Amino acid sequence: MREQFVPRLGTLSTMLRSLVAFVLAAPWLQAQVPDRPLHLRDATSATCGYGTAHDDRSIDGLPLAVGEVTAERGIGTHAPAELTFAVPANQRWFTCWFGVAAERGTNGSIALRVLADEREVLTSAVTRGGAAPLWIAAPILGAKTMRLVVTDAGDGNGADHANLLWPTWRGHEVAPEGHLPGVVTFAGQGKAPADSLLFADRPAQQFVEA
């Protein structure tokens, strides 16, 4: 009897170990690295071409805005500028929306370089005053430091105020997609679905229509 029980016990133990390993490997139990806001005050060094860089406001001390997009959080600086940060453990990406500060109107042109341990991992397109912000998603996994280099794009204009909107460390496995928070696009008049009665293609004129 004992000779039969021992092999079965060993088989049961193997099955339990496999089951535990499977459960622990399940995607829903994997530790998710939370996003972490990045602030100027966290920089290990910061240089600014004119004035002083700011957390949560532009170089002029105004609300952070690029084009028609306004953010409650971010960094305002002036090209040429360099900001260096220590990369938090397990973070894979640095993201932000980037562009010329809206208070400069159509003046200025800037670009952003991202270096991870002094290795360039991203160079943005040139963006100009009045343009919509550019989405930045730079891979930084394994790096100890990240350096952001804001450059004048060479138009000779001295109004190169740069804003980084919602700068964030992210632990996403794949490159995060950029979705501007709170930006709503009006797509015009809607058409009622063929099988729906609970739909209006115009605003209510009286409260009984609401």
C-alpha atoms as a PDB file:
ATOM      1  CA  MET A   1       0.000   0.000   0.000  1.00  0.00           C
ATOM      2  CA  ARG A   2       2.765   2.439   0.898  1.00  0.00           C
ATOM      3  CA  GLU A   3       4.563   1.699  -2.384  1.00  0.00           C
ATOM      4  CA  GLN A   4       1.474   2.810  -4.360  1.00  0.00           C
ATOM      5  CA  PHE A   5       0.813   5.923  -2.201  1.00  0.00           C
ATOM      6  CA  VAL A   6       4.292   7.470  -2.470  1.00  0.00           C
ATOM      7  CA  PRO A   7       4.285   7.805  -6.294  1.00  0.00           C
ATOM      8  CA  ARG A   8       0.756   9.268  -6.199  1.00  0.00           C
ATOM      9  CA  LEU A   9       1.787  11.759  -3.519  1.00  0.00           C
ATOM     10  CA  GLY A  10       4.720  12.806  -5.672  1.00  0.00           C
ATOM     11  CA  THR A  11       2.418  13.284  -8.664  1.00  0.00           C
ATOM     12  CA  LEU A  12      -0.006  15.343  -6.561  1.00  0.00           C
ATOM     13  CA  SER A  13       2.843  17.534  -5.318  1.00  0.00           C
ATOM     14  CA  THR A  14       4.022  18.162  -8.885  1.00  0.00           C
ATOM     15  CA  MET A  15       0.493  19.055  -9.951  1.00  0.00           C
ATOM     16  CA  LEU A  16       0.111  21.512  -7.066  1.00  0.00           C
ATOM     17  CA  ARG A  17       3.432  23.183  -7.880  1.00  0.00           C
ATOM     18  CA  SER A  18       2.357  23.549 -11.517  1.00  0.00           C
ATOM     19  CA  LEU A  19      -0.995  24.993 -10.483  1.00  0.00           C
ATOM     20  CA  VAL A  20       0.638  27.543  -8.162  1.00  0.00           C
ATOM     21  CA  ALA A  21       3.113  28.542 -10.876  1.00  0.00           C
ATOM     22  CA  PHE A  22       0.250  28.975 -13.364  1.00  0.00           C
ATOM     23  CA  VAL A  23      -1.787  31.143 -10.993  1.00  0.00           C
ATOM     24  CA  LEU A  24       1.192  33.325 -10.086  1.00  0.00           C
ATOM     25  CA  ALA A  25       1.956  33.822 -13.763  1.00  0.00           C
ATOM     26  CA  ALA A  26      -1.583  34.960 -14.573  1.00  0.00           C
ATOM     27  CA  PRO A  27      -1.616  38.464 -16.101  1.00  0.00           C
ATOM     28  CA  TRP A  28      -4.217  39.714 -13.631  1.00  0.00           C
ATOM     29  CA  LEU A  29      -1.898  38.925 -10.721  1.00  0.00           C
ATOM     30  CA  GLN A  30       1.219  40.468 -12.205  1.00  0.00           C
ATOM     31  CA  ALA A  31       2.455  43.488 -10.302  1.00  0.00           C
ATOM     32  CA  GLN A  32       1.572  46.583 -12.294  1.00  0.00           C
ATOM     33  CA  VAL A  33       4.112  49.378 -12.062  1.00  0.00           C
ATOM     34  CA  PRO A  34       2.066  52.531 -11.434  1.00  0.00           C
ATOM     35  CA  ASP A  35       2.569  55.672 -13.482  1.00  0.00           C
ATOM     36  CA  ARG A  36       4.522  58.378 -11.669  1.00  0.00           C
ATOM     37  CA  PRO A  37       4.277  62.104 -12.379  1.00  0.00           C
ATOM     38  CA  LEU A  38       7.606  63.761 -13.124  1.00  0.00           C
ATOM     39  CA  HIS A  39       8.265  67.186 -11.570  1.00  0.00           C
ATOM     40  CA  LEU A  40      10.997  69.763 -12.072  1.00  0.00           C
ATOM     41  CA  ARG A  41      11.698  69.627  -8.332  1.00  0.00           C
ATOM     42  CA  ASP A  42      12.826  65.992  -8.834  1.00  0.00           C
ATOM     43  CA  ALA A  43      15.577  67.004 -11.288  1.00  0.00           C
ATOM     44  CA  THR A  44      19.149  66.324 -10.215  1.00  0.00           C
ATOM     45  CA  SER A  45      20.259  69.252 -12.396  1.00  0.00           C
ATOM     46  CA  ALA A  46      18.483  71.865 -14.499  1.00  0.00           C
ATOM     47  CA  THR A  47      19.664  74.651 -16.787  1.00  0.00           C
ATOM     48  CA  CYS A  48      17.457  77.191 -18.497  1.00  0.00           C
ATOM     49  CA  GLY A  49      18.357  79.484 -21.416  1.00  0.00           C
ATOM     50  CA  TYR A  50      16.538  82.443 -19.905  1.00  0.00           C
ATOM     51  CA  GLY A  51      14.948  83.050 -16.514  1.00  0.00           C
ATOM     52  CA  THR A  52      14.071  80.102 -14.280  1.00  0.00           C
ATOM     53  CA  ALA A  53      12.232  76.916 -15.159  1.00  0.00           C
ATOM     54  CA  HIS A  54       9.006  76.275 -13.231  1.00  0.00           C
ATOM     55  CA  ASP A  55       6.803  73.443 -12.072  1.00  0.00           C
ATOM     56  CA  ASP A  56       3.180  73.755 -13.234  1.00  0.00           C
ATOM     57  CA  ARG A  57       3.539  77.108 -15.020  1.00  0.00           C
ATOM     58  CA  SER A  58       5.307  78.525 -18.037  1.00  0.00           C
ATOM     59  CA  ILE A  59       8.590  80.420 -18.031  1.00  0.00           C
ATOM     60  CA  ASP A  60       6.494  83.613 -17.860  1.00  0.00           C
ATOM     61  CA  GLY A  61       4.610  82.296 -14.824  1.00  0.00           C
ATOM     62  CA  LEU A  62       1.423  81.748 -16.835  1.00  0.00           C
ATOM     63  CA  PRO A  63      -0.744  78.605 -17.031  1.00  0.00           C
ATOM     64  CA  LEU A  64       0.900  75.788 -18.995  1.00  0.00           C
ATOM     65  CA  ALA A  65      -0.518  75.768 -22.511  1.00  0.00           C
ATOM     66  CA  VAL A  66       0.584  74.620 -25.961  1.00  0.00           C
ATOM     67  CA  GLY A  67      -1.625  75.574 -28.882  1.00  0.00           C
ATOM     68  CA  GLU A  68      -5.167  75.245 -27.541  1.00  0.00           C
ATOM     69  CA  VAL A  69      -4.256  72.629 -24.920  1.00  0.00           C
ATOM     70  CA  THR A  70      -3.890  73.692 -21.278  1.00  0.00           C
ATOM     71  CA  ALA A  71      -2.480  71.473 -18.510  1.00  0.00           C
ATOM     72  CA  GLU A  72      -2.595  71.784 -14.755  1.00  0.00           C
ATOM     73  CA  ARG A  73       0.711  69.905 -14.384  1.00  0.00           C
ATOM     74  CA  GLY A  74       4.027  70.092 -16.171  1.00  0.00           C
ATOM     75  CA  ILE A  75       7.261  72.025 -16.632  1.00  0.00           C
ATOM     76  CA  GLY A  76       7.850  75.398 -18.244  1.00  0.00           C
ATOM     77  CA  THR A  77      11.356  76.257 -19.455  1.00  0.00           C
ATOM     78  CA  HIS A  78      13.226  78.209 -22.130  1.00  0.00           C
ATOM     79  CA  ALA A  79      15.494  76.836 -24.849  1.00  0.00           C
ATOM     80  CA  PRO A  80      18.289  75.980 -24.666  1.00  0.00           C
ATOM     81  CA  ALA A  81      17.561  73.928 -21.565  1.00  0.00           C
ATOM     82  CA  GLU A  82      18.733  70.662 -20.020  1.00  0.00           C
ATOM     83  CA  LEU A  83      16.917  68.748 -17.287  1.00  0.00           C
ATOM     84  CA  THR A  84      18.421  65.594 -15.745  1.00  0.00           C
ATOM     85  CA  PHE A  85      16.498  63.061 -13.660  1.00  0.00           C
ATOM     86  CA  ALA A  86      17.213  59.769 -11.913  1.00  0.00           C
ATOM     87  CA  VAL A  87      15.020  57.088 -13.506  1.00  0.00           C
ATOM     88  CA  PRO A  88      12.780  55.283 -10.965  1.00  0.00           C
ATOM     89  CA  ALA A  89      13.089  51.496 -10.782  1.00  0.00           C
ATOM     90  CA  ASN A  90      11.065  49.411 -13.272  1.00  0.00           C
ATOM     91  CA  GLN A  91       9.895  52.376 -15.335  1.00  0.00           C
ATOM     92  CA  ARG A  92       9.986  51.765 -19.082  1.00  0.00           C
ATOM     93  CA  TRP A  93       8.903  55.035 -20.682  1.00  0.00           C
ATOM     94  CA  PHE A  94       9.014  58.778 -20.280  1.00  0.00           C
ATOM     95  CA  THR A  95       6.000  60.520 -21.797  1.00  0.00           C
ATOM     96  CA  CYS A  96       4.730  64.074 -22.142  1.00  0.00           C
ATOM     97  CA  TRP A  97       3.106  66.507 -24.546  1.00  0.00           C
ATOM     98  CA  PHE A  98       5.638  69.050 -25.768  1.00  0.00           C
ATOM     99  CA  GLY A  99       5.560  72.374 -27.578  1.00  0.00           C
ATOM    100  CA  VAL A 100       6.055  76.134 -27.638  1.00  0.00           C
ATOM    101  CA  ALA A 101       4.271  77.947 -24.810  1.00  0.00           C
ATOM    102  CA  ALA A 102       0.989  79.379 -26.053  1.00  0.00           C
ATOM    103  CA  GLU A 103       1.756  82.883 -24.745  1.00  0.00           C
ATOM    104  CA  ARG A 104       4.320  83.259 -27.542  1.00  0.00           C
ATOM    105  CA  GLY A 105       1.648  83.079 -30.241  1.00  0.00           C
ATOM    106  CA  THR A 106       3.171  81.934 -33.524  1.00  0.00           C
ATOM    107  CA  ASN A 107       6.720  82.865 -32.473  1.00  0.00           C
ATOM    108  CA  GLY A 108       9.459  80.383 -31.644  1.00  0.00           C
ATOM    109  CA  SER A 109      10.496  76.905 -32.738  1.00  0.00           C
ATOM    110  CA  ILE A 110      11.865  74.117 -30.557  1.00  0.00           C
ATOM    111  CA  ALA A 111      12.747  70.419 -30.515  1.00  0.00           C
ATOM    112  CA  LEU A 112      13.280  67.894 -27.717  1.00  0.00           C
ATOM    113  CA  ARG A 113      15.993  65.243 -27.359  1.00  0.00           C
ATOM    114  CA  VAL A 114      15.749  62.469 -24.761  1.00  0.00           C
ATOM    115  CA  LEU A 115      18.928  60.712 -23.623  1.00  0.00           C
ATOM    116  CA  ALA A 116      18.917  57.600 -21.404  1.00  0.00           C
ATOM    117  CA  ASP A 117      22.337  57.113 -19.755  1.00  0.00           C
ATOM    118  CA  GLU A 118      23.635  59.594 -22.367  1.00  0.00           C
ATOM    119  CA  ARG A 119      22.342  57.435 -25.230  1.00  0.00           C
ATOM    120  CA  GLU A 120      19.904  59.304 -27.432  1.00  0.00           C
ATOM    121  CA  VAL A 121      16.601  57.411 -27.533  1.00  0.00           C
ATOM    122  CA  LEU A 122      14.321  60.037 -29.078  1.00  0.00           C
ATOM    123  CA  THR A 123      14.534  63.272 -31.057  1.00  0.00           C
ATOM    124  CA  SER A 124      11.270  65.057 -31.663  1.00  0.00           C
ATOM    125  CA  ALA A 125      10.201  66.811 -34.809  1.00  0.00           C
ATOM    126  CA  VAL A 126      10.564  70.589 -34.818  1.00  0.00           C
ATOM    127  CA  THR A 127       7.445  72.278 -33.464  1.00  0.00           C
ATOM    128  CA  ARG A 128       6.558  75.948 -33.802  1.00  0.00           C
ATOM    129  CA  GLY A 129       4.548  78.527 -31.938  1.00  0.00           C
ATOM    130  CA  GLY A 130       0.801  78.037 -32.252  1.00  0.00           C
ATOM    131  CA  ALA A 131       1.098  74.345 -33.214  1.00  0.00           C
ATOM    132  CA  ALA A 132      -0.644  71.561 -31.301  1.00  0.00           C
ATOM    133  CA  PRO A 133       1.574  69.746 -28.779  1.00  0.00           C
ATOM    134  CA  LEU A 134       3.700  66.776 -29.862  1.00  0.00           C
ATOM    135  CA  TRP A 135       3.289  63.399 -28.127  1.00  0.00           C
ATOM    136  CA  ILE A 136       6.589  62.156 -26.671  1.00  0.00           C
ATOM    137  CA  ALA A 137       7.099  58.496 -25.641  1.00  0.00           C
ATOM    138  CA  ALA A 138      10.781  57.743 -25.019  1.00  0.00           C
ATOM    139  CA  PRO A 139      12.040  54.260 -23.945  1.00  0.00           C
ATOM    140  CA  ILE A 140      14.129  54.452 -20.762  1.00  0.00           C
ATOM    141  CA  LEU A 141      13.999  50.884 -19.361  1.00  0.00           C
ATOM    142  CA  GLY A 142      17.233  49.962 -17.577  1.00  0.00           C
ATOM    143  CA  ALA A 143      18.631  53.490 -17.598  1.00  0.00           C
ATOM    144  CA  LYS A 144      19.798  55.140 -14.401  1.00  0.00           C
ATOM    145  CA  THR A 145      19.522  58.717 -15.671  1.00  0.00           C
ATOM    146  CA  MET A 146      17.477  60.575 -18.237  1.00  0.00           C
ATOM    147  CA  ARG A 147      18.434  63.931 -19.722  1.00  0.00           C
ATOM    148  CA  LEU A 148      15.954  66.155 -21.548  1.00  0.00           C
ATOM    149  CA  VAL A 149      17.555  68.623 -23.963  1.00  0.00           C
ATOM    150  CA  VAL A 150      15.316  71.406 -25.284  1.00  0.00           C
ATOM    151  CA  THR A 151      16.852  73.131 -28.289  1.00  0.00           C
ATOM    152  CA  ASP A 152      16.082  76.212 -30.341  1.00  0.00           C
ATOM    153  CA  ALA A 153      15.182  74.868 -33.769  1.00  0.00           C
ATOM    154  CA  GLY A 154      17.310  77.455 -35.498  1.00  0.00           C
ATOM    155  CA  ASP A 155      14.911  80.165 -36.638  1.00  0.00           C
ATOM    156  CA  GLY A 156      16.834  82.805 -34.671  1.00  0.00           C
ATOM    157  CA  ASN A 157      13.799  83.728 -32.620  1.00  0.00           C
ATOM    158  CA  GLY A 158      14.478  84.497 -28.959  1.00  0.00           C
ATOM    159  CA  ALA A 159      10.966  83.535 -27.855  1.00  0.00           C
ATOM    160  CA  ASP A 160      11.535  79.798 -27.589  1.00  0.00           C
ATOM    161  CA  HIS A 161       9.514  79.116 -24.462  1.00  0.00           C
ATOM    162  CA  ALA A 162       8.972  75.370 -24.058  1.00  0.00           C
ATOM    163  CA  ASN A 163       6.249  73.593 -22.101  1.00  0.00           C
ATOM    164  CA  LEU A 164       6.186  69.916 -21.156  1.00  0.00           C
ATOM    165  CA  LEU A 165       2.603  68.955 -20.337  1.00  0.00           C
ATOM    166  CA  TRP A 166       1.835  66.051 -17.986  1.00  0.00           C
ATOM    167  CA  PRO A 167       5.408  64.591 -17.933  1.00  0.00           C
ATOM    168  CA  THR A 168       5.138  61.048 -16.578  1.00  0.00           C
ATOM    169  CA  TRP A 169       7.170  57.906 -15.895  1.00  0.00           C
ATOM    170  CA  ARG A 170       5.314  54.839 -17.166  1.00  0.00           C
ATOM    171  CA  GLY A 171       5.768  51.108 -16.637  1.00  0.00           C
ATOM    172  CA  HIS A 172       3.811  50.017 -19.740  1.00  0.00           C
ATOM    173  CA  GLU A 173       5.097  46.977 -21.620  1.00  0.00           C
ATOM    174  CA  VAL A 174       4.463  48.631 -24.977  1.00  0.00           C
ATOM    175  CA  ALA A 175       4.781  52.244 -26.048  1.00  0.00           C
ATOM    176  CA  PRO A 176       1.937  54.249 -24.458  1.00  0.00           C
ATOM    177  CA  GLU A 177      -0.409  56.015 -26.833  1.00  0.00           C
ATOM    178  CA  GLY A 178      -1.072  59.705 -26.370  1.00  0.00           C
ATOM    179  CA  HIS A 179      -4.595  60.824 -25.507  1.00  0.00           C
ATOM    180  CA  LEU A 180      -5.036  64.429 -24.474  1.00  0.00           C
ATOM    181  CA  PRO A 181      -7.040  64.533 -21.207  1.00  0.00           C
ATOM    182  CA  GLY A 182     -10.277  66.426 -21.431  1.00  0.00           C
ATOM    183  CA  VAL A 183      -9.981  67.355 -25.095  1.00  0.00           C
ATOM    184  CA  VAL A 184     -13.345  66.993 -26.819  1.00  0.00           C
ATOM    185  CA  THR A 185     -13.757  67.191 -30.577  1.00  0.00           C
ATOM    186  CA  PHE A 186     -17.147  68.285 -31.973  1.00  0.00           C
ATOM    187  CA  ALA A 187     -17.990  65.978 -34.828  1.00  0.00           C
ATOM    188  CA  GLY A 188     -21.170  67.700 -36.048  1.00  0.00           C
ATOM    189  CA  GLN A 189     -24.816  66.695 -35.986  1.00  0.00           C
ATOM    190  CA  GLY A 190     -25.484  63.081 -35.094  1.00  0.00           C
ATOM    191  CA  LYS A 191     -27.834  60.741 -36.926  1.00  0.00           C
ATOM    192  CA  ALA A 192     -30.260  58.498 -35.109  1.00  0.00           C
ATOM    193  CA  PRO A 193     -29.571  54.741 -35.229  1.00  0.00           C
ATOM    194  CA  ALA A 194     -32.207  52.875 -37.245  1.00  0.00           C
ATOM    195  CA  ASP A 195     -33.276  50.699 -34.307  1.00  0.00           C
ATOM    196  CA  SER A 196     -33.296  53.296 -31.525  1.00  0.00           C
ATOM    197  CA  LEU A 197     -36.091  55.562 -30.259  1.00  0.00           C
ATOM    198  CA  LEU A 198     -34.036  57.001 -27.381  1.00  0.00           C
ATOM    199  CA  PHE A 199     -31.919  59.291 -29.516  1.00  0.00           C
ATOM    200  CA  ALA A 200     -32.081  62.977 -30.419  1.00  0.00           C
ATOM    201  CA  ASP A 201     -30.253  64.658 -33.295  1.00  0.00           C
ATOM    202  CA  ARG A 202     -30.687  68.182 -31.853  1.00  0.00           C
ATOM    203  CA  PRO A 203     -30.715  69.847 -28.395  1.00  0.00           C
ATOM    204  CA  ALA A 204     -33.999  69.701 -26.457  1.00  0.00           C
ATOM    205  CA  GLN A 205     -36.178  72.780 -26.999  1.00  0.00           C
ATOM    206  CA  GLN A 206     -38.437  72.093 -24.001  1.00  0.00           C
ATOM    207  CA  PHE A 207     -37.822  70.197 -20.784  1.00  0.00           C
ATOM    208  CA  VAL A 208     -40.239  67.419 -21.819  1.00  0.00           C
ATOM    209  CA  GLU A 209     -37.896  66.623 -24.726  1.00  0.00           C
ATOM    210  CA  ALA A 210     -34.840  66.157 -22.539  1.00  0.00           C
END
